[in-house]
C-alpha atoms as a PDB file:
ATOM      1  CA  UNK A   1       0.000   0.000   0.000  1.00  0.00           C
ATOM      2  CA  UNK A   2       1.392   3.432  -0.920  1.00  0.00           C
ATOM      3  CA  UNK A   3       1.710   6.313   1.488  1.00  0.00           C
ATOM      4  CA  UNK A   4      -1.174   8.037  -0.286  1.00  0.00           C
ATOM      5  CA  UNK A   5      -3.335   4.927   0.023  1.00  0.00           C
ATOM      6  CA  UNK A   6      -2.497   4.657   3.722  1.00  0.00           C
ATOM      7  CA  UNK A   7      -3.474   8.263   4.347  1.00  0.00           C
ATOM      8  CA  UNK A   8      -6.737   7.767   2.470  1.00  0.00           C
ATOM      9  CA  UNK A   9      -7.503   4.618   4.424  1.00  0.00           C
ATOM     10  CA  UNK A  10      -6.785   6.361   7.702  1.00  0.00           C
ATOM     11  CA  UNK A  11      -9.105   9.210   6.876  1.00  0.00           C
ATOM     12  CA  UNK A  12     -11.861   6.808   5.904  1.00  0.00           C
ATOM     13  CA  UNK A  13     -11.354   4.952   9.140  1.00  0.00           C
ATOM     14  CA  UNK A  14     -12.329   7.872  11.364  1.00  0.00           C
ATOM     15  CA  UNK A  15     -15.330   9.327   9.642  1.00  0.00           C
ATOM     16  CA  UNK A  16     -17.177   8.812  12.915  1.00  0.00           C
ATOM     17  CA  UNK A  17     -18.753   9.029  15.896  1.00  0.00           C
ATOM     18  CA  UNK A  18     -23.045   6.984  12.340  1.00  0.00           C
ATOM     19  CA  UNK A  19     -35.840  17.880   0.388  1.00  0.00           C
ATOM     20  CA  UNK A  20     -36.329  18.832   4.088  1.00  0.00           C
ATOM     21  CA  UNK A  21     -33.282  21.068   4.520  1.00  0.00           C
ATOM     22  CA  UNK A  22     -35.382  24.229   4.652  1.00  0.00           C
ATOM     23  CA  UNK A  23     -37.558  22.769   7.401  1.00  0.00           C
ATOM     24  CA  UNK A  24     -34.475  21.681   9.313  1.00  0.00           C
ATOM     25  CA  UNK A  25     -32.962  25.159   9.050  1.00  0.00           C
ATOM     26  CA  UNK A  26     -36.186  26.699  10.353  1.00  0.00           C
ATOM     27  CA  UNK A  27     -36.179  24.347  13.328  1.00  0.00           C
ATOM     28  CA  UNK A  28     -32.561  25.139  14.172  1.00  0.00           C
ATOM     29  CA  UNK A  29     -33.259  28.862  13.881  1.00  0.00           C
ATOM     30  CA  UNK A  30     -36.186  28.555  16.281  1.00  0.00           C
ATOM     31  CA  UNK A  31     -34.062  26.734  18.829  1.00  0.00           C
ATOM     32  CA  UNK A  32     -31.079  29.088  18.640  1.00  0.00           C
ATOM     33  CA  UNK A  33     -33.345  32.082  19.193  1.00  0.00           C
ATOM     34  CA  UNK A  34     -34.657  30.706  22.486  1.00  0.00           C
ATOM     35  CA  UNK A  35     -33.521  32.267  25.797  1.00  0.00           C
ATOM     36  CA  UNK A  36     -30.910  30.625  28.007  1.00  0.00           C
ATOM     37  CA  UNK A  37     -31.756  29.602  31.585  1.00  0.00           C
ATOM     38  CA  UNK A  38     -29.808  28.525  34.638  1.00  0.00           C
ATOM     39  CA  UNK A  39     -31.889  25.545  35.738  1.00  0.00           C
ATOM     40  CA  UNK A  40     -33.014  22.480  33.853  1.00  0.00           C
ATOM     41  CA  UNK A  41     -36.619  22.496  32.673  1.00  0.00           C
ATOM     42  CA  UNK A  42     -38.590  21.514  29.608  1.00  0.00           C
ATOM     43  CA  UNK A  43     -40.499  23.405  26.955  1.00  0.00           C
ATOM     44  CA  UNK A  44     -42.757  22.093  24.231  1.00  0.00           C
ATOM     45  CA  UNK A  45     -43.200  23.784  20.862  1.00  0.00           C
ATOM     46  CA  UNK A  46     -44.885  22.800  17.627  1.00  0.00           C
ATOM     47  CA  UNK A  47     -41.625  21.359  16.311  1.00  0.00           C
ATOM     48  CA  UNK A  48     -40.901  19.144  19.327  1.00  0.00           C
ATOM     49  CA  UNK A  49     -39.889  19.019  22.978  1.00  0.00           C
ATOM     50  CA  UNK A  50     -36.848  20.498  24.682  1.00  0.00           C
ATOM     51  CA  UNK A  51     -35.133  20.344  28.031  1.00  0.00           C
ATOM     52  CA  UNK A  52     -32.899  23.255  28.998  1.00  0.00           C
ATOM     53  CA  UNK A  53     -29.717  22.209  30.779  1.00  0.00           C
ATOM     54  CA  UNK A  54     -28.121  23.908  33.766  1.00  0.00           C
ATOM     55  CA  UNK A  55     -25.706  25.757  31.476  1.00  0.00           C
ATOM     56  CA  UNK A  56     -28.552  27.060  29.310  1.00  0.00           C
ATOM     57  CA  UNK A  57     -28.496  24.697  26.327  1.00  0.00           C
ATOM     58  CA  UNK A  58     -31.766  23.549  24.803  1.00  0.00           C
ATOM     59  CA  UNK A  59     -31.697  19.826  24.045  1.00  0.00           C
ATOM     60  CA  UNK A  60     -34.308  18.535  21.613  1.00  0.00           C
ATOM     61  CA  UNK A  61     -35.769  15.097  22.255  1.00  0.00           C
ATOM     62  CA  UNK A  62     -38.419  12.671  20.983  1.00  0.00           C
ATOM     63  CA  UNK A  63     -40.446  10.636  23.465  1.00  0.00           C
ATOM     64  CA  UNK A  64     -42.900   8.106  22.048  1.00  0.00           C
ATOM     65  CA  UNK A  65     -44.988   5.348  23.586  1.00  0.00           C
ATOM     66  CA  UNK A  66     -45.056   3.710  27.012  1.00  0.00           C
ATOM     67  CA  UNK A  67     -43.524   0.717  28.724  1.00  0.00           C
ATOM     68  CA  UNK A  68     -39.871   0.064  29.490  1.00  0.00           C
ATOM     69  CA  UNK A  69     -37.852   2.980  28.098  1.00  0.00           C
ATOM     70  CA  UNK A  70     -35.163   2.556  25.468  1.00  0.00           C
ATOM     71  CA  UNK A  71     -32.905   5.592  25.138  1.00  0.00           C
ATOM     72  CA  UNK A  72     -30.896   6.141  21.953  1.00  0.00           C
ATOM     73  CA  UNK A  73     -27.692   8.191  21.584  1.00  0.00           C
ATOM     74  CA  UNK A  74     -26.708   9.010  17.996  1.00  0.00           C
ATOM     75  CA  UNK A  75     -23.364   9.170  16.223  1.00  0.00           C
ATOM     76  CA  UNK A  76     -21.345  12.120  14.901  1.00  0.00           C
ATOM     77  CA  UNK A  77     -22.480  14.398  13.200  1.00  0.00           C
ATOM     78  CA  UNK A  78     -26.069  13.176  13.029  1.00  0.00           C
ATOM     79  CA  UNK A  79     -29.249  13.559  15.092  1.00  0.00           C
ATOM     80  CA  UNK A  80     -32.011  11.589  16.788  1.00  0.00           C
ATOM     81  CA  UNK A  81     -33.455  10.994  13.303  1.00  0.00           C
ATOM     82  CA  UNK A  82     -30.745   8.426  12.657  1.00  0.00           C
ATOM     83  CA  UNK A  83     -32.651   6.120  15.033  1.00  0.00           C
ATOM     84  CA  UNK A  84     -36.039   6.335  13.272  1.00  0.00           C
ATOM     85  CA  UNK A  85     -35.962   2.700  12.120  1.00  0.00           C
ATOM     86  CA  UNK A  86     -35.141   1.418  15.607  1.00  0.00           C
ATOM     87  CA  UNK A  87     -37.620   3.741  17.314  1.00  0.00           C
ATOM     88  CA  UNK A  88     -40.491   2.595  15.097  1.00  0.00           C
ATOM     89  CA  UNK A  89     -39.535  -1.059  15.578  1.00  0.00           C
ATOM     90  CA  UNK A  90     -39.436  -0.910  19.366  1.00  0.00           C
ATOM     91  CA  UNK A  91     -42.469   1.365  19.614  1.00  0.00           C
ATOM     92  CA  UNK A  92     -44.411  -1.330  17.746  1.00  0.00           C
ATOM     93  CA  UNK A  93     -43.095  -3.911  20.220  1.00  0.00           C
ATOM     94  CA  UNK A  94     -44.528  -2.053  23.208  1.00  0.00           C
ATOM     95  CA  UNK A  95     -41.557  -0.023  24.392  1.00  0.00           C
ATOM     96  CA  UNK A  96     -41.209   3.654  25.217  1.00  0.00           C
ATOM     97  CA  UNK A  97     -38.555   5.110  22.911  1.00  0.00           C
ATOM     98  CA  UNK A  98     -36.556   8.269  23.567  1.00  0.00           C
ATOM     99  CA  UNK A  99     -33.872   9.938  21.464  1.00  0.00           C
ATOM    100  CA  UNK A 100     -32.279  13.373  21.694  1.00  0.00           C
ATOM    101  CA  UNK A 101     -30.140  15.604  19.489  1.00  0.00           C
ATOM    102  CA  UNK A 102     -26.708  16.107  21.048  1.00  0.00           C
ATOM    103  CA  UNK A 103     -25.855  19.744  21.824  1.00  0.00           C
ATOM    104  CA  UNK A 104     -24.878  21.543  18.631  1.00  0.00           C
ATOM    105  CA  UNK A 105     -26.444  18.776  16.540  1.00  0.00           C
ATOM    106  CA  UNK A 106     -29.840  18.546  14.861  1.00  0.00           C
ATOM    107  CA  UNK A 107     -32.436  20.785  16.509  1.00  0.00           C
ATOM    108  CA  UNK A 108     -30.560  21.421  19.759  1.00  0.00           C
ATOM    109  CA  UNK A 109     -28.902  24.760  20.504  1.00  0.00           C
ATOM    110  CA  UNK A 110     -25.880  25.564  18.346  1.00  0.00           C
ATOM    111  CA  UNK A 111     -23.780  26.783  21.250  1.00  0.00           C
ATOM    112  CA  UNK A 112     -20.076  27.443  20.838  1.00  0.00           C
ATOM    113  CA  UNK A 113     -18.818  25.501  23.822  1.00  0.00           C
ATOM    114  CA  UNK A 114     -19.358  22.374  25.893  1.00  0.00           C
ATOM    115  CA  UNK A 115     -18.688  19.953  23.062  1.00  0.00           C
ATOM    116  CA  UNK A 116     -16.996  17.300  25.178  1.00  0.00           C
ATOM    117  CA  UNK A 117     -17.962  13.992  26.755  1.00  0.00           C
ATOM    118  CA  UNK A 118     -18.655  15.473  30.189  1.00  0.00           C
ATOM    119  CA  UNK A 119     -21.281  17.819  28.753  1.00  0.00           C
ATOM    120  CA  UNK A 120     -22.649  15.118  26.433  1.00  0.00           C
ATOM    121  CA  UNK A 121     -23.176  12.837  29.430  1.00  0.00           C
ATOM    122  CA  UNK A 122     -24.708  15.633  31.506  1.00  0.00           C
ATOM    123  CA  UNK A 123     -27.108  16.539  28.689  1.00  0.00           C
ATOM    124  CA  UNK A 124     -28.222  12.909  28.424  1.00  0.00           C
ATOM    125  CA  UNK A 125     -28.736  12.878  32.194  1.00  0.00           C
ATOM    126  CA  UNK A 126     -30.885  16.017  31.921  1.00  0.00           C
ATOM    127  CA  UNK A 127     -33.195  14.257  29.456  1.00  0.00           C
ATOM    128  CA  UNK A 128     -33.358  11.072  31.544  1.00  0.00           C
ATOM    129  CA  UNK A 129     -34.062  12.918  34.774  1.00  0.00           C
ATOM    130  CA  UNK A 130     -36.638  15.277  33.281  1.00  0.00           C
ATOM    131  CA  UNK A 131     -38.581  12.333  31.845  1.00  0.00           C
ATOM    132  CA  UNK A 132     -37.990  10.382  35.088  1.00  0.00           C
ATOM    133  CA  UNK A 133     -36.867   7.325  33.134  1.00  0.00           C
ATOM    134  CA  UNK A 134     -36.239   4.174  35.159  1.00  0.00           C
ATOM    135  CA  UNK A 135     -35.119   0.663  34.214  1.00  0.00           C
ATOM    136  CA  UNK A 136     -33.940   2.144  30.918  1.00  0.00           C
ATOM    137  CA  UNK A 137     -31.952   0.409  28.205  1.00  0.00           C
ATOM    138  CA  UNK A 138     -29.342   2.768  26.758  1.00  0.00           C
ATOM    139  CA  UNK A 139     -28.255   2.192  23.163  1.00  0.00           C
ATOM    140  CA  UNK A 140     -25.454   4.214  21.596  1.00  0.00           C
ATOM    141  CA  UNK A 141     -24.014   4.168  18.090  1.00  0.00           C
ATOM    142  CA  UNK A 142     -20.461   5.312  17.307  1.00  0.00           C
ATOM    143  CA  UNK A 143     -19.852   8.539  19.298  1.00  0.00           C
ATOM    144  CA  UNK A 144     -23.149   7.812  21.027  1.00  0.00           C
ATOM    145  CA  UNK A 145     -21.627   4.625  22.432  1.00  0.00           C
ATOM    146  CA  UNK A 146     -18.977   6.710  24.128  1.00  0.00           C
ATOM    147  CA  UNK A 147     -21.693   9.025  25.420  1.00  0.00           C
ATOM    148  CA  UNK A 148     -23.572   6.083  26.933  1.00  0.00           C
ATOM    149  CA  UNK A 149     -20.471   4.663  28.604  1.00  0.00           C
ATOM    150  CA  UNK A 150     -19.500   8.046  30.055  1.00  0.00           C
ATOM    151  CA  UNK A 151     -23.065   8.741  31.209  1.00  0.00           C
ATOM    152  CA  UNK A 152     -23.300   5.452  33.112  1.00  0.00           C
ATOM    153  CA  UNK A 153     -19.916   5.973  34.753  1.00  0.00           C
ATOM    154  CA  UNK A 154     -20.455   9.660  35.537  1.00  0.00           C
ATOM    155  CA  UNK A 155     -24.108   9.622  36.633  1.00  0.00           C
ATOM    156  CA  UNK A 156     -24.498   6.089  37.945  1.00  0.00           C
ATOM    157  CA  UNK A 157     -26.565   3.129  36.880  1.00  0.00           C
ATOM    158  CA  UNK A 158     -29.569   3.430  39.213  1.00  0.00           C
ATOM    159  CA  UNK A 159     -31.916   4.436  36.372  1.00  0.00           C
ATOM    160  CA  UNK A 160     -30.539   1.914  33.875  1.00  0.00           C
ATOM    161  CA  UNK A 161     -31.110  -1.794  33.289  1.00  0.00           C
ATOM    162  CA  UNK A 162     -28.835  -2.624  30.338  1.00  0.00           C
ATOM    163  CA  UNK A 163     -26.754  -0.941  27.666  1.00  0.00           C
ATOM    164  CA  UNK A 164     -25.735  -1.592  24.073  1.00  0.00           C
ATOM    165  CA  UNK A 165     -22.700  -0.136  22.303  1.00  0.00           C
ATOM    166  CA  UNK A 166     -23.001  -0.371  18.500  1.00  0.00           C
ATOM    167  CA  UNK A 167     -19.999   0.340  16.259  1.00  0.00           C
ATOM    168  CA  UNK A 168     -18.758   2.483  19.116  1.00  0.00           C
ATOM    169  CA  UNK A 169     -15.620   4.561  19.658  1.00  0.00           C
ATOM    170  CA  UNK A 170     -14.486   3.171  23.064  1.00  0.00           C
ATOM    171  CA  UNK A 171     -12.040   2.424  24.467  1.00  0.00           C
ATOM    172  CA  UNK A 172      -9.894   5.051  22.615  1.00  0.00           C
ATOM    173  CA  UNK A 173      -9.522   5.998  18.947  1.00  0.00           C
ATOM    174  CA  UNK A 174      -6.336   8.064  18.891  1.00  0.00           C
ATOM    175  CA  UNK A 175      -2.939   6.385  18.883  1.00  0.00           C
ATOM    176  CA  UNK A 176      -0.974   6.603  22.127  1.00  0.00           C
ATOM    177  CA  UNK A 177       1.806   4.613  23.763  1.00  0.00           C
ATOM    178  CA  UNK A 178      -0.856   2.613  25.590  1.00  0.00           C
ATOM    179  CA  UNK A 179      -3.009   2.320  22.445  1.00  0.00           C
ATOM    180  CA  UNK A 180      -0.590   1.589  19.590  1.00  0.00           C
ATOM    181  CA  UNK A 181      -3.388   0.300  17.366  1.00  0.00           C
ATOM    182  CA  UNK A 182      -5.122   3.684  17.296  1.00  0.00           C
ATOM    183  CA  UNK A 183      -5.012   6.310  14.566  1.00  0.00           C
ATOM    184  CA  UNK A 184      -2.394   9.113  14.617  1.00  0.00           C
ATOM    185  CA  UNK A 185      -3.581  12.478  15.927  1.00  0.00           C
ATOM    186  CA  UNK A 186      -2.540  14.095  12.637  1.00  0.00           C
ATOM    187  CA  UNK A 187      -5.309  12.174  10.902  1.00  0.00           C
ATOM    188  CA  UNK A 188      -7.920  13.690  13.206  1.00  0.00           C
ATOM    189  CA  UNK A 189      -6.378  17.146  12.717  1.00  0.00           C
ATOM    190  CA  UNK A 190      -6.882  16.764   8.973  1.00  0.00           C
ATOM    191  CA  UNK A 191     -10.409  15.588   9.616  1.00  0.00           C
ATOM    192  CA  UNK A 192     -11.161  18.828  11.479  1.00  0.00           C
ATOM    193  CA  UNK A 193      -9.804  20.795   8.531  1.00  0.00           C
ATOM    194  CA  UNK A 194     -12.322  19.103   6.249  1.00  0.00           C
ATOM    195  CA  UNK A 195     -15.167  19.926   8.649  1.00  0.00           C
ATOM    196  CA  UNK A 196     -14.109  23.578   8.885  1.00  0.00           C
ATOM    197  CA  UNK A 197     -13.541  24.185   5.167  1.00  0.00           C
ATOM    198  CA  UNK A 198     -15.522  21.707   3.076  1.00  0.00           C
ATOM    199  CA  UNK A 199     -18.312  20.384   5.247  1.00  0.00           C
ATOM    200  CA  UNK A 200     -21.134  20.214   2.685  1.00  0.00           C
ATOM    201  CA  UNK A 201     -19.135  18.098   0.247  1.00  0.00           C
ATOM    202  CA  UNK A 202     -17.536  16.101   3.050  1.00  0.00           C
ATOM    203  CA  UNK A 203     -20.964  15.141   4.345  1.00  0.00           C
ATOM    204  CA  UNK A 204     -21.808  13.706   0.930  1.00  0.00           C
ATOM    205  CA  UNK A 205     -18.559  11.789   0.593  1.00  0.00           C
ATOM    206  CA  UNK A 206     -18.795  10.079   3.993  1.00  0.00           C
ATOM    207  CA  UNK A 207     -22.150   8.293   3.551  1.00  0.00           C
ATOM    208  CA  UNK A 208     -21.554   7.697  -0.161  1.00  0.00           C
ATOM    209  CA  UNK A 209     -18.497   5.649   0.688  1.00  0.00           C
ATOM    210  CA  UNK A 210     -17.192   4.089   3.897  1.00  0.00           C
ATOM    211  CA  UNK A 211     -19.935   4.855   6.441  1.00  0.00           C
ATOM    212  CA  UNK A 212     -22.416   2.383   4.974  1.00  0.00           C
ATOM    213  CA  UNK A 213     -19.910   0.339   2.982  1.00  0.00           C
ATOM    214  CA  UNK A 214     -21.339   1.695  -0.268  1.00  0.00           C
ATOM    215  CA  UNK A 215     -17.779   1.719  -1.622  1.00  0.00           C
ATOM    216  CA  UNK A 216     -17.602  -2.079  -1.443  1.00  0.00           C
ATOM    217  CA  UNK A 217     -18.021  -4.191  -4.623  1.00  0.00           C
ATOM    218  CA  UNK A 218     -21.618  -5.268  -5.097  1.00  0.00           C
ATOM    219  CA  UNK A 219     -22.991  -2.902  -2.452  1.00  0.00           C
ATOM    220  CA  UNK A 220     -26.622  -1.869  -2.895  1.00  0.00           C
ATOM    221  CA  UNK A 221     -26.365   1.928  -2.746  1.00  0.00           C
ATOM    222  CA  UNK A 222     -29.323   3.934  -1.416  1.00  0.00           C
ATOM    223  CA  UNK A 223     -29.386   7.588  -2.445  1.00  0.00           C
ATOM    224  CA  UNK A 224     -32.097   8.227   0.140  1.00  0.00           C
ATOM    225  CA  UNK A 225     -29.835   7.029   2.954  1.00  0.00           C
ATOM    226  CA  UNK A 226     -26.978   9.192   1.651  1.00  0.00           C
ATOM    227  CA  UNK A 227     -29.198  12.264   1.383  1.00  0.00           C
ATOM    228  CA  UNK A 228     -30.652  11.705   4.859  1.00  0.00           C
ATOM    229  CA  UNK A 229     -27.136  11.508   6.352  1.00  0.00           C
ATOM    230  CA  UNK A 230     -26.244  14.795   4.627  1.00  0.00           C
ATOM    231  CA  UNK A 231     -29.487  16.405   5.833  1.00  0.00           C
ATOM    232  CA  UNK A 232     -28.836  15.479   9.436  1.00  0.00           C
ATOM    233  CA  UNK A 233     -25.223  16.596   9.321  1.00  0.00           C
ATOM    234  CA  UNK A 234     -25.990  19.989   7.799  1.00  0.00           C
ATOM    235  CA  UNK A 235     -28.703  20.630  10.410  1.00  0.00           C
ATOM    236  CA  UNK A 236     -25.995  20.743  13.067  1.00  0.00           C
ATOM    237  CA  UNK A 237     -23.363  23.381  13.761  1.00  0.00           C
ATOM    238  CA  UNK A 238     -19.874  23.344  12.275  1.00  0.00           C
ATOM    239  CA  UNK A 239     -18.313  24.374  15.607  1.00  0.00           C
ATOM    240  CA  UNK A 240     -19.970  21.500  17.448  1.00  0.00           C
ATOM    241  CA  UNK A 241     -18.864  19.040  14.803  1.00  0.00           C
ATOM    242  CA  UNK A 242     -15.325  20.451  14.757  1.00  0.00           C
ATOM    243  CA  UNK A 243     -14.924  20.151  18.523  1.00  0.00           C
ATOM    244  CA  UNK A 244     -16.690  16.812  18.492  1.00  0.00           C
ATOM    245  CA  UNK A 245     -13.781  15.293  16.581  1.00  0.00           C
ATOM    246  CA  UNK A 246     -11.611  15.771  19.668  1.00  0.00           C
ATOM    247  CA  UNK A 247     -14.353  14.447  21.935  1.00  0.00           C
ATOM    248  CA  UNK A 248     -14.811  11.169  20.090  1.00  0.00           C
ATOM    249  CA  UNK A 249     -11.161  10.602  19.172  1.00  0.00           C
ATOM    250  CA  UNK A 250      -9.213  11.641  22.252  1.00  0.00           C
ATOM    251  CA  UNK A 251     -11.487  10.614  25.135  1.00  0.00           C
ATOM    252  CA  UNK A 252     -10.173   7.516  26.884  1.00  0.00           C
ATOM    253  CA  UNK A 253     -13.220   5.530  28.000  1.00  0.00           C
ATOM    254  CA  UNK A 254     -11.195   2.827  29.756  1.00  0.00           C
ATOM    255  CA  UNK A 255     -12.044   4.053  33.296  1.00  0.00           C
ATOM    256  CA  UNK A 256     -15.721   4.369  32.347  1.00  0.00           C
ATOM    257  CA  UNK A 257     -15.956   0.835  30.971  1.00  0.00           C
ATOM    258  CA  UNK A 258     -14.351  -0.597  34.109  1.00  0.00           C
ATOM    259  CA  UNK A 259     -16.985   1.084  36.307  1.00  0.00           C
ATOM    260  CA  UNK A 260     -20.023  -0.289  34.489  1.00  0.00           C
ATOM    261  CA  UNK A 261     -21.524  -3.373  36.134  1.00  0.00           C
ATOM    262  CA  UNK A 262     -24.829  -3.820  34.318  1.00  0.00           C
ATOM    263  CA  UNK A 263     -25.120  -6.112  31.263  1.00  0.00           C
ATOM    264  CA  UNK A 264     -23.688  -4.530  28.125  1.00  0.00           C
ATOM    265  CA  UNK A 265     -23.933  -5.890  24.584  1.00  0.00           C
ATOM    266  CA  UNK A 266     -21.095  -4.789  22.285  1.00  0.00           C
ATOM    267  CA  UNK A 267     -22.124  -5.038  18.605  1.00  0.00           C
ATOM    268  CA  UNK A 268     -19.637  -4.348  15.812  1.00  0.00           C
ATOM    269  CA  UNK A 269     -19.161  -5.208  12.149  1.00  0.00           C
ATOM    270  CA  UNK A 270     -15.769  -6.565  11.162  1.00  0.00           C
ATOM    271  CA  UNK A 271     -15.858  -4.459   7.966  1.00  0.00           C
ATOM    272  CA  UNK A 272     -16.304  -1.196   9.856  1.00  0.00           C
ATOM    273  CA  UNK A 273     -14.250   1.390   7.923  1.00  0.00           C
ATOM    274  CA  UNK A 274     -15.008   4.207  10.378  1.00  0.00           C
ATOM    275  CA  UNK A 275     -14.221   2.729  13.806  1.00  0.00           C
ATOM    276  CA  UNK A 276     -11.876  -0.176  13.028  1.00  0.00           C
ATOM    277  CA  UNK A 277     -13.038  -3.371  14.699  1.00  0.00           C
ATOM    278  CA  UNK A 278      -9.776  -4.693  16.162  1.00  0.00           C
ATOM    279  CA  UNK A 279      -9.002  -1.582  18.225  1.00  0.00           C
ATOM    280  CA  UNK A 280     -12.532  -1.103  19.546  1.00  0.00           C
ATOM    281  CA  UNK A 281     -15.142  -3.805  20.177  1.00  0.00           C
ATOM    282  CA  UNK A 282     -12.960  -6.697  21.445  1.00  0.00           C
ATOM    283  CA  UNK A 283     -11.044  -4.353  23.758  1.00  0.00           C
ATOM    284  CA  UNK A 284     -14.269  -2.786  25.034  1.00  0.00           C
ATOM    285  CA  UNK A 285     -15.843  -6.166  25.801  1.00  0.00           C
ATOM    286  CA  UNK A 286     -12.781  -7.218  27.812  1.00  0.00           C
ATOM    287  CA  UNK A 287     -12.856  -4.048  29.926  1.00  0.00           C
ATOM    288  CA  UNK A 288     -16.532  -4.425  30.830  1.00  0.00           C
ATOM    289  CA  UNK A 289     -17.390  -6.509  33.904  1.00  0.00           C
ATOM    290  CA  UNK A 290     -20.526  -7.913  32.293  1.00  0.00           C
ATOM    291  CA  UNK A 291     -19.933  -7.416  28.588  1.00  0.00           C
ATOM    292  CA  UNK A 292     -20.907  -9.606  25.640  1.00  0.00           C
ATOM    293  CA  UNK A 293     -19.291  -9.195  22.220  1.00  0.00           C
ATOM    294  CA  UNK A 294     -21.297  -9.880  19.076  1.00  0.00           C
ATOM    295  CA  UNK A 295     -19.366  -9.585  15.812  1.00  0.00           C
ATOM    296  CA  UNK A 296     -21.059  -9.220  12.414  1.00  0.00           C
ATOM    297  CA  UNK A 297     -19.124 -10.522   9.436  1.00  0.00           C
ATOM    298  CA  UNK A 298     -18.968  -7.985   6.610  1.00  0.00           C
ATOM    299  CA  UNK A 299     -21.259  -5.429   8.276  1.00  0.00           C
ATOM    300  CA  UNK A 300     -20.386  -1.691   7.927  1.00  0.00           C
ATOM    301  CA  UNK A 301     -20.254   1.100  10.476  1.00  0.00           C
ATOM    302  CA  UNK A 302     -23.804   2.207   9.703  1.00  0.00           C
ATOM    303  CA  UNK A 303     -25.230  -1.278  10.180  1.00  0.00           C
ATOM    304  CA  UNK A 304     -28.245  -0.144  12.265  1.00  0.00           C
ATOM    305  CA  UNK A 305     -29.527   1.394   9.025  1.00  0.00           C
ATOM    306  CA  UNK A 306     -28.337  -0.943   6.277  1.00  0.00           C
ATOM    307  CA  UNK A 307     -28.755  -4.134   8.333  1.00  0.00           C
ATOM    308  CA  UNK A 308     -31.703  -3.013  10.465  1.00  0.00           C
ATOM    309  CA  UNK A 309     -33.608  -6.319  10.369  1.00  0.00           C
ATOM    310  CA  UNK A 310     -30.677  -8.226  11.856  1.00  0.00           C
ATOM    311  CA  UNK A 311     -29.643  -5.541  14.343  1.00  0.00           C
ATOM    312  CA  UNK A 312     -33.186  -4.895  15.598  1.00  0.00           C
ATOM    313  CA  UNK A 313     -33.856  -8.607  16.149  1.00  0.00           C
ATOM    314  CA  UNK A 314     -30.633  -8.999  18.125  1.00  0.00           C
ATOM    315  CA  UNK A 315     -31.347  -5.890  20.183  1.00  0.00           C
ATOM    316  CA  UNK A 316     -34.823  -7.200  21.025  1.00  0.00           C
ATOM    317  CA  UNK A 317     -33.423 -10.573  22.057  1.00  0.00           C
ATOM    318  CA  UNK A 318     -30.856  -8.915  24.343  1.00  0.00           C
ATOM    319  CA  UNK A 319     -33.402  -6.602  25.936  1.00  0.00           C
ATOM    320  CA  UNK A 320     -35.829  -9.464  26.581  1.00  0.00           C
ATOM    321  CA  UNK A 321     -33.154 -11.833  27.889  1.00  0.00           C
END
């Protein structure tokens, strides 16, 4: 492999974290115009529901159905909409489904700061506590898997029953002396440059290629899936996405994983071109006290979308077990 090929492969490997644009822009504008408050509370508007965090950020969330709650945390740079297939599936199976837009993403406030795992975890806690969710199953994809792990370690497990980490970034993405299999920091620096200077095109290239494995021979490409990825990404703020690269790549989740005692299912495709399998899922499962690794041969990073029938069935089996 040439040096150029290696660089290209490295960049593909970290495209993390997983009509309608005008409506999305209007929703974001409505959120950003809202006042900031010092205490957490919720507001409901025609476009959805929000909880305002202690540092004044409005977090958008969906809350459908009744029964045992399943809480979804999305990947970079997407939104709660990335979970629509799973939310409809579990809603129809009698569960209460909840998903939020991470700060700076989707319909949540496009603030300029707080784009780190501590704030991500605190924002998730604000949603959980406002809705008074108990016995919840937390499911995170990509960056959302890191958010789930950090939330459980930082805020405790008293409101949770189980967790699932799908194609997730833990334990650590960046290369260090203790993590020689990670990606060099220079690769992530270049990634930030693309976000800051060429985001609209970048957000077409990512889903068109490695995210869903559409660059593989014989892949069945869906333009709708590509366009929906782009729509979600462009709804969010460039600053949040730029800072989010550091959050998902440089956070070491090792201490978090060691603290978690509840059952955790680790799901990962061995053809994941975004979060490489060998330096993520097997290591995560070993660090967890009660972790189970499930590997999917040939599945891509965005497998909850392209392989929804398989993933949803396995999630249901784990939740009911």
